Amino acid sequence: MLWSLSAEIAESSPWHEHDIFEFALCQGQSGRFLTESGVIELRPARTVLVPPNTPHRFVLETGEVGRLKIVCVPPKDLPSFLSPIHIAMLDGLRGSGVSVADHPGQESWLGQLGNLITDGLAVEDVRDQQLHWSAISLLLALHVKERYAARDQPNFRHKAKIRDVVTWIEGNLEKDLTIQLATSVCGLSRSVLTKEFRHYTGKSFVDYCNARRVQRAAMILVTRPESVTQVAFDSGFSNLSHFHRQFKAHFGLTPAAFRHKVVDEGGL
């Protein structure tokens, strides 16, 4: 049986282990997650996958509160909830122990996905069930993608400024965003911003903006009844053909097919 909860952890826990997969979306900046192989800081836009029978514990200092969305499922029940593709993803990571993936600049997007996952053992409403499982599947896919794409990152000289740019992008996705405008936000030269931005996000400025726009579009498609054309405009795309190409490149489906897959069929 799969279950999920929104947890606020205010005290350290003893060492423990479960015979389940435990997937956590970090939603706060407090606390640490200890395993036999090391310490994992709990920070926003970080996901953690704990395989079955893996000893771990939470450690918090006085006054700290760790905020997590946690999803747990026994391995034998995976076929009831996840597609064969997602099961294969989990099996691929299982042997390497606890896996961690960071998703820079995607706090809002991940938070929206987390909000679609209903707390508890069961979801009664059919549409809510569909959104619930689709959000879990997408989070797992993002975790696996970032985990396998992770590489040693250099030290960032301008980390704070790049974070400012990412925050600015998040609040202005519907506008015409350019690298020139971004330089005025952070005060860096175009060449430095271009290099540091790619190091921080793993994407070029343009590719990052397009990815965030199609992610916003995906959320609108499954939660609101607007036409695909209106969704494109609301997400910051002025060219419908460009929107379709970007969306399909990101999700492997057209916007209409994505909506049908999630809303009508209940899965990705």
C-alpha atoms as a PDB file:
ATOM      1  CA  MET A   1       0.000   0.000   0.000  1.00  0.00           C
ATOM      2  CA  LEU A   2       1.321   3.433  -0.954  1.00  0.00           C
ATOM      3  CA  TRP A   3       1.022   6.277   1.512  1.00  0.00           C
ATOM      4  CA  SER A   4       2.231   9.869   1.669  1.00  0.00           C
ATOM      5  CA  LEU A   5       2.419  12.664   4.196  1.00  0.00           C
ATOM      6  CA  SER A   6       3.563  16.236   4.683  1.00  0.00           C
ATOM      7  CA  ALA A   7       5.970  16.040   7.609  1.00  0.00           C
ATOM      8  CA  GLU A   8       7.331  18.704   9.933  1.00  0.00           C
ATOM      9  CA  ILE A   9      10.150  17.100  11.906  1.00  0.00           C
ATOM     10  CA  ALA A  10      11.238  19.050  14.975  1.00  0.00           C
ATOM     11  CA  GLU A  11      13.269  16.385  16.793  1.00  0.00           C
ATOM     12  CA  SER A  12      16.074  14.041  15.837  1.00  0.00           C
ATOM     13  CA  SER A  13      15.053  10.445  15.250  1.00  0.00           C
ATOM     14  CA  PRO A  14      16.844   7.223  16.206  1.00  0.00           C
ATOM     15  CA  TRP A  15      18.447   5.071  13.539  1.00  0.00           C
ATOM     16  CA  HIS A  16      15.788   3.072  11.723  1.00  0.00           C
ATOM     17  CA  GLU A  17      15.074   1.291   8.459  1.00  0.00           C
ATOM     18  CA  HIS A  18      12.015   0.151   6.511  1.00  0.00           C
ATOM     19  CA  ASP A  19      11.227  -2.562   3.982  1.00  0.00           C
ATOM     20  CA  ILE A  20       9.831   0.115   1.644  1.00  0.00           C
ATOM     21  CA  PHE A  21      11.016   2.730  -0.823  1.00  0.00           C
ATOM     22  CA  GLU A  22      10.945   6.146   0.859  1.00  0.00           C
ATOM     23  CA  PHE A  23      10.990   9.194  -1.424  1.00  0.00           C
ATOM     24  CA  ALA A  24      11.292  12.652   0.121  1.00  0.00           C
ATOM     25  CA  LEU A  25      10.868  16.108  -1.384  1.00  0.00           C
ATOM     26  CA  CYS A  26      12.627  18.673   0.817  1.00  0.00           C
ATOM     27  CA  GLN A  27      10.539  21.795   1.370  1.00  0.00           C
ATOM     28  CA  GLY A  28      12.600  23.627   3.971  1.00  0.00           C
ATOM     29  CA  GLN A  29      16.157  24.657   4.830  1.00  0.00           C
ATOM     30  CA  SER A  30      16.585  22.925   8.199  1.00  0.00           C
ATOM     31  CA  GLY A  31      17.915  19.587   9.319  1.00  0.00           C
ATOM     32  CA  ARG A  32      20.097  16.771   8.100  1.00  0.00           C
ATOM     33  CA  PHE A  33      19.498  13.235   6.915  1.00  0.00           C
ATOM     34  CA  LEU A  34      22.107  10.721   8.065  1.00  0.00           C
ATOM     35  CA  THR A  35      22.946   7.445   6.390  1.00  0.00           C
ATOM     36  CA  GLU A  36      25.812   5.031   6.939  1.00  0.00           C
ATOM     37  CA  SER A  37      27.591   6.604   3.973  1.00  0.00           C
ATOM     38  CA  GLY A  38      27.291  10.253   4.944  1.00  0.00           C
ATOM     39  CA  VAL A  39      25.244  13.342   5.760  1.00  0.00           C
ATOM     40  CA  ILE A  40      22.597  14.865   3.486  1.00  0.00           C
ATOM     41  CA  GLU A  41      21.514  18.436   4.141  1.00  0.00           C
ATOM     42  CA  LEU A  42      17.759  19.039   3.872  1.00  0.00           C
ATOM     43  CA  ARG A  43      17.303  21.992   1.553  1.00  0.00           C
ATOM     44  CA  PRO A  44      14.632  23.246  -0.864  1.00  0.00           C
ATOM     45  CA  ALA A  45      14.571  21.758  -4.372  1.00  0.00           C
ATOM     46  CA  ARG A  46      16.319  18.572  -3.196  1.00  0.00           C
ATOM     47  CA  THR A  47      14.861  15.071  -3.509  1.00  0.00           C
ATOM     48  CA  VAL A  48      16.071  11.988  -1.642  1.00  0.00           C
ATOM     49  CA  LEU A  49      15.314   8.355  -2.463  1.00  0.00           C
ATOM     50  CA  VAL A  50      15.916   5.766   0.271  1.00  0.00           C
ATOM     51  CA  PRO A  51      15.882   2.118  -0.873  1.00  0.00           C
ATOM     52  CA  PRO A  52      14.359  -0.591   1.346  1.00  0.00           C
ATOM     53  CA  ASN A  53      16.308  -1.790   4.390  1.00  0.00           C
ATOM     54  CA  THR A  54      18.623   1.223   4.441  1.00  0.00           C
ATOM     55  CA  PRO A  55      19.497   2.525   7.948  1.00  0.00           C
ATOM     56  CA  HIS A  56      18.971   6.266   8.307  1.00  0.00           C
ATOM     57  CA  ARG A  57      17.965   8.959  10.760  1.00  0.00           C
ATOM     58  CA  PHE A  58      16.983  12.632  10.896  1.00  0.00           C
ATOM     59  CA  VAL A  59      19.098  15.072  12.903  1.00  0.00           C
ATOM     60  CA  LEU A  60      17.885  18.545  13.875  1.00  0.00           C
ATOM     61  CA  GLU A  61      19.298  21.165  16.175  1.00  0.00           C
ATOM     62  CA  THR A  62      17.149  22.928  18.774  1.00  0.00           C
ATOM     63  CA  GLY A  63      14.676  25.197  17.010  1.00  0.00           C
ATOM     64  CA  GLU A  64      15.104  23.571  13.590  1.00  0.00           C
ATOM     65  CA  VAL A  65      12.101  22.122  11.734  1.00  0.00           C
ATOM     66  CA  GLY A  66      12.595  19.861   8.750  1.00  0.00           C
ATOM     67  CA  ARG A  67       9.766  20.107   6.212  1.00  0.00           C
ATOM     68  CA  LEU A  68       9.297  17.204   3.823  1.00  0.00           C
ATOM     69  CA  LYS A  69       6.750  15.641   1.524  1.00  0.00           C
ATOM     70  CA  ILE A  70       7.305  11.894   1.932  1.00  0.00           C
ATOM     71  CA  VAL A  71       5.973   9.081  -0.254  1.00  0.00           C
ATOM     72  CA  CYS A  72       6.431   5.442   0.790  1.00  0.00           C
ATOM     73  CA  VAL A  73       5.633   2.234  -1.070  1.00  0.00           C
ATOM     74  CA  PRO A  74       6.588  -1.453  -0.542  1.00  0.00           C
ATOM     75  CA  PRO A  75       8.530  -2.909  -3.519  1.00  0.00           C
ATOM     76  CA  LYS A  76       5.889  -5.613  -4.070  1.00  0.00           C
ATOM     77  CA  ASP A  77       3.219  -2.952  -4.569  1.00  0.00           C
ATOM     78  CA  LEU A  78       5.121  -0.901  -7.160  1.00  0.00           C
ATOM     79  CA  PRO A  79       3.286  -2.475 -10.155  1.00  0.00           C
ATOM     80  CA  SER A  80      -0.021  -1.275  -8.671  1.00  0.00           C
ATOM     81  CA  PHE A  81       1.039   2.360  -8.688  1.00  0.00           C
ATOM     82  CA  LEU A  82       3.864   2.950 -11.145  1.00  0.00           C
ATOM     83  CA  SER A  83       4.565   2.173 -14.774  1.00  0.00           C
ATOM     84  CA  PRO A  84       7.227  -0.389 -15.761  1.00  0.00           C
ATOM     85  CA  ILE A  85       9.451   2.532 -16.780  1.00  0.00           C
ATOM     86  CA  HIS A  86       9.326   4.056 -13.309  1.00  0.00           C
ATOM     87  CA  ILE A  87       9.873   0.663 -11.662  1.00  0.00           C
ATOM     88  CA  ALA A  88      12.962   0.205 -13.813  1.00  0.00           C
ATOM     89  CA  MET A  89      14.154   3.660 -12.731  1.00  0.00           C
ATOM     90  CA  LEU A  90      13.886   2.700  -9.061  1.00  0.00           C
ATOM     91  CA  ASP A  91      15.615  -0.631  -9.622  1.00  0.00           C
ATOM     92  CA  GLY A  92      18.438   1.183 -11.404  1.00  0.00           C
ATOM     93  CA  LEU A  93      19.107   3.328  -8.337  1.00  0.00           C
ATOM     94  CA  ARG A  94      18.393   0.716  -5.688  1.00  0.00           C
ATOM     95  CA  GLY A  95      21.816  -0.878  -5.709  1.00  0.00           C
ATOM     96  CA  SER A  96      23.666   2.416  -5.240  1.00  0.00           C
ATOM     97  CA  GLY A  97      22.059   3.195  -1.880  1.00  0.00           C
ATOM     98  CA  VAL A  98      20.497   6.520  -0.945  1.00  0.00           C
ATOM     99  CA  SER A  99      20.375   8.861  -3.926  1.00  0.00           C
ATOM    100  CA  VAL A 100      20.134  12.647  -3.843  1.00  0.00           C
ATOM    101  CA  ALA A 101      19.151  14.990  -6.661  1.00  0.00           C
ATOM    102  CA  ASP A 102      19.140  18.781  -6.686  1.00  0.00           C
ATOM    103  CA  HIS A 103      16.864  20.824  -8.921  1.00  0.00           C
ATOM    104  CA  PRO A 104      18.278  24.399  -8.880  1.00  0.00           C
ATOM    105  CA  GLY A 105      15.736  27.163  -9.275  1.00  0.00           C
ATOM    106  CA  GLN A 106      12.761  24.796  -9.337  1.00  0.00           C
ATOM    107  CA  GLU A 107      11.440  25.282  -5.800  1.00  0.00           C
ATOM    108  CA  SER A 108       8.106  26.628  -7.033  1.00  0.00           C
ATOM    109  CA  TRP A 109       7.602  23.906  -9.644  1.00  0.00           C
ATOM    110  CA  LEU A 110       8.469  21.122  -7.195  1.00  0.00           C
ATOM    111  CA  GLY A 111       6.258  22.697  -4.547  1.00  0.00           C
ATOM    112  CA  GLN A 112       3.332  22.660  -6.954  1.00  0.00           C
ATOM    113  CA  LEU A 113       3.921  18.984  -7.698  1.00  0.00           C
ATOM    114  CA  GLY A 114       4.164  18.225  -3.989  1.00  0.00           C
ATOM    115  CA  ASN A 115       0.853  19.976  -3.358  1.00  0.00           C
ATOM    116  CA  LEU A 116      -0.834  17.615  -5.829  1.00  0.00           C
ATOM    117  CA  ILE A 117       0.141  14.608  -3.691  1.00  0.00           C
ATOM    118  CA  THR A 118      -2.618  14.007  -1.153  1.00  0.00           C
ATOM    119  CA  ASP A 119      -1.601  12.965   2.357  1.00  0.00           C
ATOM    120  CA  GLY A 120      -2.818   9.604   3.606  1.00  0.00           C
ATOM    121  CA  LEU A 121      -3.277   6.014   2.495  1.00  0.00           C
ATOM    122  CA  ALA A 122      -5.901   6.487  -0.203  1.00  0.00           C
ATOM    123  CA  VAL A 123      -7.372   9.100  -2.492  1.00  0.00           C
ATOM    124  CA  GLU A 124     -11.079   8.629  -3.155  1.00  0.00           C
ATOM    125  CA  ASP A 125     -11.840  11.146  -5.911  1.00  0.00           C
ATOM    126  CA  VAL A 126     -10.862   9.734  -9.324  1.00  0.00           C
ATOM    127  CA  ARG A 127      -9.485  13.015 -10.670  1.00  0.00           C
ATOM    128  CA  ASP A 128      -7.496  13.578  -7.470  1.00  0.00           C
ATOM    129  CA  GLN A 129      -6.088  10.048  -7.797  1.00  0.00           C
ATOM    130  CA  GLN A 130      -4.920  10.820 -11.306  1.00  0.00           C
ATOM    131  CA  LEU A 131      -3.177  14.034 -10.287  1.00  0.00           C
ATOM    132  CA  HIS A 132      -1.725  12.291  -7.225  1.00  0.00           C
ATOM    133  CA  TRP A 133      -0.074   9.432  -9.116  1.00  0.00           C
ATOM    134  CA  SER A 134       0.985  11.627 -12.026  1.00  0.00           C
ATOM    135  CA  ALA A 135       2.733  14.056  -9.669  1.00  0.00           C
ATOM    136  CA  ILE A 136       4.575  11.192  -7.944  1.00  0.00           C
ATOM    137  CA  SER A 137       5.617   9.710 -11.292  1.00  0.00           C
ATOM    138  CA  LEU A 138       6.896  13.060 -12.529  1.00  0.00           C
ATOM    139  CA  LEU A 139       8.848  13.717  -9.332  1.00  0.00           C
ATOM    140  CA  LEU A 140      10.501  10.317  -9.589  1.00  0.00           C
ATOM    141  CA  ALA A 141      11.357  10.912 -13.235  1.00  0.00           C
ATOM    142  CA  LEU A 142      12.893  14.301 -12.389  1.00  0.00           C
ATOM    143  CA  HIS A 143      14.877  12.736  -9.551  1.00  0.00           C
ATOM    144  CA  VAL A 144      16.289   9.991 -11.738  1.00  0.00           C
ATOM    145  CA  LYS A 145      17.072  12.384 -14.593  1.00  0.00           C
ATOM    146  CA  GLU A 146      18.959  14.804 -12.357  1.00  0.00           C
ATOM    147  CA  ARG A 147      20.665  11.990 -10.480  1.00  0.00           C
ATOM    148  CA  TYR A 148      22.115  10.477 -13.623  1.00  0.00           C
ATOM    149  CA  ALA A 149      22.986  13.895 -15.043  1.00  0.00           C
ATOM    150  CA  ALA A 150      24.736  15.014 -11.831  1.00  0.00           C
ATOM    151  CA  ARG A 151      28.392  15.837 -12.152  1.00  0.00           C
ATOM    152  CA  ASP A 152      31.023  17.562 -10.065  1.00  0.00           C
ATOM    153  CA  GLN A 153      30.273  21.252 -10.049  1.00  0.00           C
ATOM    154  CA  PRO A 154      32.909  23.981  -9.741  1.00  0.00           C
ATOM    155  CA  ASN A 155      32.839  26.519  -6.956  1.00  0.00           C
ATOM    156  CA  PHE A 156      30.563  29.411  -7.860  1.00  0.00           C
ATOM    157  CA  ARG A 157      32.001  32.889  -7.533  1.00  0.00           C
ATOM    158  CA  HIS A 158      28.632  34.480  -8.257  1.00  0.00           C
ATOM    159  CA  LYS A 159      26.191  31.988  -6.752  1.00  0.00           C
ATOM    160  CA  ALA A 160      24.055  34.631  -5.027  1.00  0.00           C
ATOM    161  CA  LYS A 161      23.749  36.662  -8.214  1.00  0.00           C
ATOM    162  CA  ILE A 162      22.778  33.634 -10.280  1.00  0.00           C
ATOM    163  CA  ARG A 163      20.129  32.795  -7.679  1.00  0.00           C
ATOM    164  CA  ASP A 164      18.798  36.335  -8.132  1.00  0.00           C
ATOM    165  CA  VAL A 165      18.549  35.724 -11.860  1.00  0.00           C
ATOM    166  CA  VAL A 166      16.729  32.420 -11.324  1.00  0.00           C
ATOM    167  CA  THR A 167      14.278  34.122  -8.954  1.00  0.00           C
ATOM    168  CA  TRP A 168      13.753  36.916 -11.484  1.00  0.00           C
ATOM    169  CA  ILE A 169      13.039  34.370 -14.238  1.00  0.00           C
ATOM    170  CA  GLU A 170      10.512  32.600 -12.015  1.00  0.00           C
ATOM    171  CA  GLY A 171       8.551  35.798 -11.484  1.00  0.00           C
ATOM    172  CA  ASN A 172       8.598  36.897 -15.123  1.00  0.00           C
ATOM    173  CA  LEU A 173       8.128  33.764 -17.227  1.00  0.00           C
ATOM    174  CA  GLU A 174       5.240  35.324 -19.138  1.00  0.00           C
ATOM    175  CA  LYS A 175       7.505  38.146 -20.357  1.00  0.00           C
ATOM    176  CA  ASP A 176      10.103  38.320 -23.123  1.00  0.00           C
ATOM    177  CA  LEU A 177      13.200  37.301 -21.168  1.00  0.00           C
ATOM    178  CA  THR A 178      16.633  37.879 -22.664  1.00  0.00           C
ATOM    179  CA  ILE A 179      20.193  37.435 -21.487  1.00  0.00           C
ATOM    180  CA  GLN A 180      20.629  41.197 -21.876  1.00  0.00           C
ATOM    181  CA  LEU A 181      17.849  41.878 -19.376  1.00  0.00           C
ATOM    182  CA  ALA A 182      19.304  39.270 -17.048  1.00  0.00           C
ATOM    183  CA  THR A 183      22.672  41.048 -17.000  1.00  0.00           C
ATOM    184  CA  SER A 184      20.953  44.165 -15.680  1.00  0.00           C
ATOM    185  CA  VAL A 185      19.404  42.119 -12.877  1.00  0.00           C
ATOM    186  CA  CYS A 186      22.668  40.667 -11.600  1.00  0.00           C
ATOM    187  CA  GLY A 187      25.279  43.176 -12.779  1.00  0.00           C
ATOM    188  CA  LEU A 188      27.423  40.518 -14.458  1.00  0.00           C
ATOM    189  CA  SER A 189      28.776  40.675 -17.971  1.00  0.00           C
ATOM    190  CA  ARG A 190      27.045  38.571 -20.614  1.00  0.00           C
ATOM    191  CA  SER A 191      29.975  36.148 -20.906  1.00  0.00           C
ATOM    192  CA  VAL A 192      30.279  35.616 -17.138  1.00  0.00           C
ATOM    193  CA  LEU A 193      26.521  35.261 -16.680  1.00  0.00           C
ATOM    194  CA  THR A 194      26.297  32.767 -19.541  1.00  0.00           C
ATOM    195  CA  LYS A 195      29.048  30.586 -18.078  1.00  0.00           C
ATOM    196  CA  GLU A 196      27.944  30.771 -14.438  1.00  0.00           C
ATOM    197  CA  PHE A 197      24.272  30.244 -15.276  1.00  0.00           C
ATOM    198  CA  ARG A 198      25.023  27.025 -17.147  1.00  0.00           C
ATOM    199  CA  HIS A 199      27.215  25.781 -14.295  1.00  0.00           C
ATOM    200  CA  TYR A 200      24.479  26.495 -11.757  1.00  0.00           C
ATOM    201  CA  THR A 201      21.436  25.151 -13.631  1.00  0.00           C
ATOM    202  CA  GLY A 202      23.007  22.741 -16.108  1.00  0.00           C
ATOM    203  CA  LYS A 203      21.240  24.594 -18.936  1.00  0.00           C
ATOM    204  CA  SER A 204      21.741  27.637 -21.108  1.00  0.00           C
ATOM    205  CA  PHE A 205      19.696  30.730 -20.234  1.00  0.00           C
ATOM    206  CA  VAL A 206      17.276  30.155 -23.135  1.00  0.00           C
ATOM    207  CA  ASP A 207      16.911  26.419 -22.485  1.00  0.00           C
ATOM    208  CA  TYR A 208      16.248  27.038 -18.806  1.00  0.00           C
ATOM    209  CA  CYS A 209      13.530  29.604 -19.529  1.00  0.00           C
ATOM    210  CA  ASN A 210      11.893  27.258 -22.020  1.00  0.00           C
ATOM    211  CA  ALA A 211      12.030  24.348 -19.550  1.00  0.00           C
ATOM    212  CA  ARG A 212      10.407  26.405 -16.804  1.00  0.00           C
ATOM    213  CA  ARG A 213       7.716  27.614 -19.184  1.00  0.00           C
ATOM    214  CA  VAL A 214       6.760  24.127 -20.338  1.00  0.00           C
ATOM    215  CA  GLN A 215       6.750  22.967 -16.713  1.00  0.00           C
ATOM    216  CA  ARG A 216       4.359  25.794 -15.866  1.00  0.00           C
ATOM    217  CA  ALA A 217       2.270  24.842 -18.891  1.00  0.00           C
ATOM    218  CA  ALA A 218       2.102  21.224 -17.703  1.00  0.00           C
ATOM    219  CA  MET A 219       0.706  22.335 -14.358  1.00  0.00           C
ATOM    220  CA  ILE A 220      -1.927  24.521 -16.023  1.00  0.00           C
ATOM    221  CA  LEU A 221      -2.918  21.749 -18.435  1.00  0.00           C
ATOM    222  CA  VAL A 222      -3.768  19.297 -15.663  1.00  0.00           C
ATOM    223  CA  THR A 223      -5.319  21.726 -13.185  1.00  0.00           C
ATOM    224  CA  ARG A 224      -7.230  24.259 -15.307  1.00  0.00           C
ATOM    225  CA  PRO A 225      -9.587  23.998 -18.307  1.00  0.00           C
ATOM    226  CA  GLU A 226      -7.945  26.610 -20.563  1.00  0.00           C
ATOM    227  CA  SER A 227      -7.348  25.787 -24.226  1.00  0.00           C
ATOM    228  CA  VAL A 228      -3.857  24.693 -25.267  1.00  0.00           C
ATOM    229  CA  THR A 229      -3.395  28.027 -27.036  1.00  0.00           C
ATOM    230  CA  GLN A 230      -4.271  29.983 -23.892  1.00  0.00           C
ATOM    231  CA  VAL A 231      -1.988  27.753 -21.825  1.00  0.00           C
ATOM    232  CA  ALA A 232       0.873  28.551 -24.199  1.00  0.00           C
ATOM    233  CA  PHE A 233       0.339  32.299 -23.829  1.00  0.00           C
ATOM    234  CA  ASP A 234      -0.126  32.071 -20.051  1.00  0.00           C
ATOM    235  CA  SER A 235       3.163  30.201 -19.814  1.00  0.00           C
ATOM    236  CA  GLY A 236       5.139  32.820 -21.726  1.00  0.00           C
ATOM    237  CA  PHE A 237       5.150  31.435 -25.270  1.00  0.00           C
ATOM    238  CA  SER A 238       4.157  33.856 -28.016  1.00  0.00           C
ATOM    239  CA  ASN A 239       4.554  31.300 -30.815  1.00  0.00           C
ATOM    240  CA  LEU A 240       2.254  28.258 -30.674  1.00  0.00           C
ATOM    241  CA  SER A 241       4.442  26.082 -32.917  1.00  0.00           C
ATOM    242  CA  HIS A 242       7.464  26.824 -30.749  1.00  0.00           C
ATOM    243  CA  PHE A 243       5.448  25.915 -27.659  1.00  0.00           C
ATOM    244  CA  HIS A 244       4.443  22.553 -29.147  1.00  0.00           C
ATOM    245  CA  ARG A 245       8.041  21.742 -30.110  1.00  0.00           C
ATOM    246  CA  GLN A 246       9.412  22.671 -26.697  1.00  0.00           C
ATOM    247  CA  PHE A 247       6.684  20.821 -24.813  1.00  0.00           C
ATOM    248  CA  LYS A 248       7.131  17.616 -26.800  1.00  0.00           C
ATOM    249  CA  ALA A 249      10.913  17.800 -26.450  1.00  0.00           C
ATOM    250  CA  HIS A 250      10.539  18.109 -22.672  1.00  0.00           C
ATOM    251  CA  PHE A 251       7.736  15.599 -21.969  1.00  0.00           C
ATOM    252  CA  GLY A 252       7.736  13.402 -25.074  1.00  0.00           C
ATOM    253  CA  LEU A 253       4.069  14.259 -25.724  1.00  0.00           C
ATOM    254  CA  THR A 254       2.149  17.109 -27.294  1.00  0.00           C
ATOM    255  CA  PRO A 255       0.322  19.374 -24.814  1.00  0.00           C
ATOM    256  CA  ALA A 256      -3.046  17.856 -25.736  1.00  0.00           C
ATOM    257  CA  ALA A 257      -1.722  14.304 -25.432  1.00  0.00           C
ATOM    258  CA  PHE A 258      -0.111  15.148 -22.068  1.00  0.00           C
ATOM    259  CA  ARG A 259      -3.421  16.482 -20.734  1.00  0.00           C
ATOM    260  CA  HIS A 260      -5.254  13.398 -21.988  1.00  0.00           C
ATOM    261  CA  LYS A 261      -2.649  11.066 -20.471  1.00  0.00           C
ATOM    262  CA  VAL A 262      -2.786  12.709 -17.059  1.00  0.00           C
ATOM    263  CA  VAL A 263      -6.410  13.808 -16.719  1.00  0.00           C
ATOM    264  CA  ASP A 264      -8.222  11.116 -18.669  1.00  0.00           C
ATOM    265  CA  GLU A 265      -5.944   8.098 -18.204  1.00  0.00           C
ATOM    266  CA  GLY A 266      -4.393   9.015 -14.857  1.00  0.00           C
ATOM    267  CA  GLY A 267      -0.724   8.432 -15.559  1.00  0.00           C
ATOM    268  CA  LEU A 268       2.430   9.484 -17.365  1.00  0.00           C
END
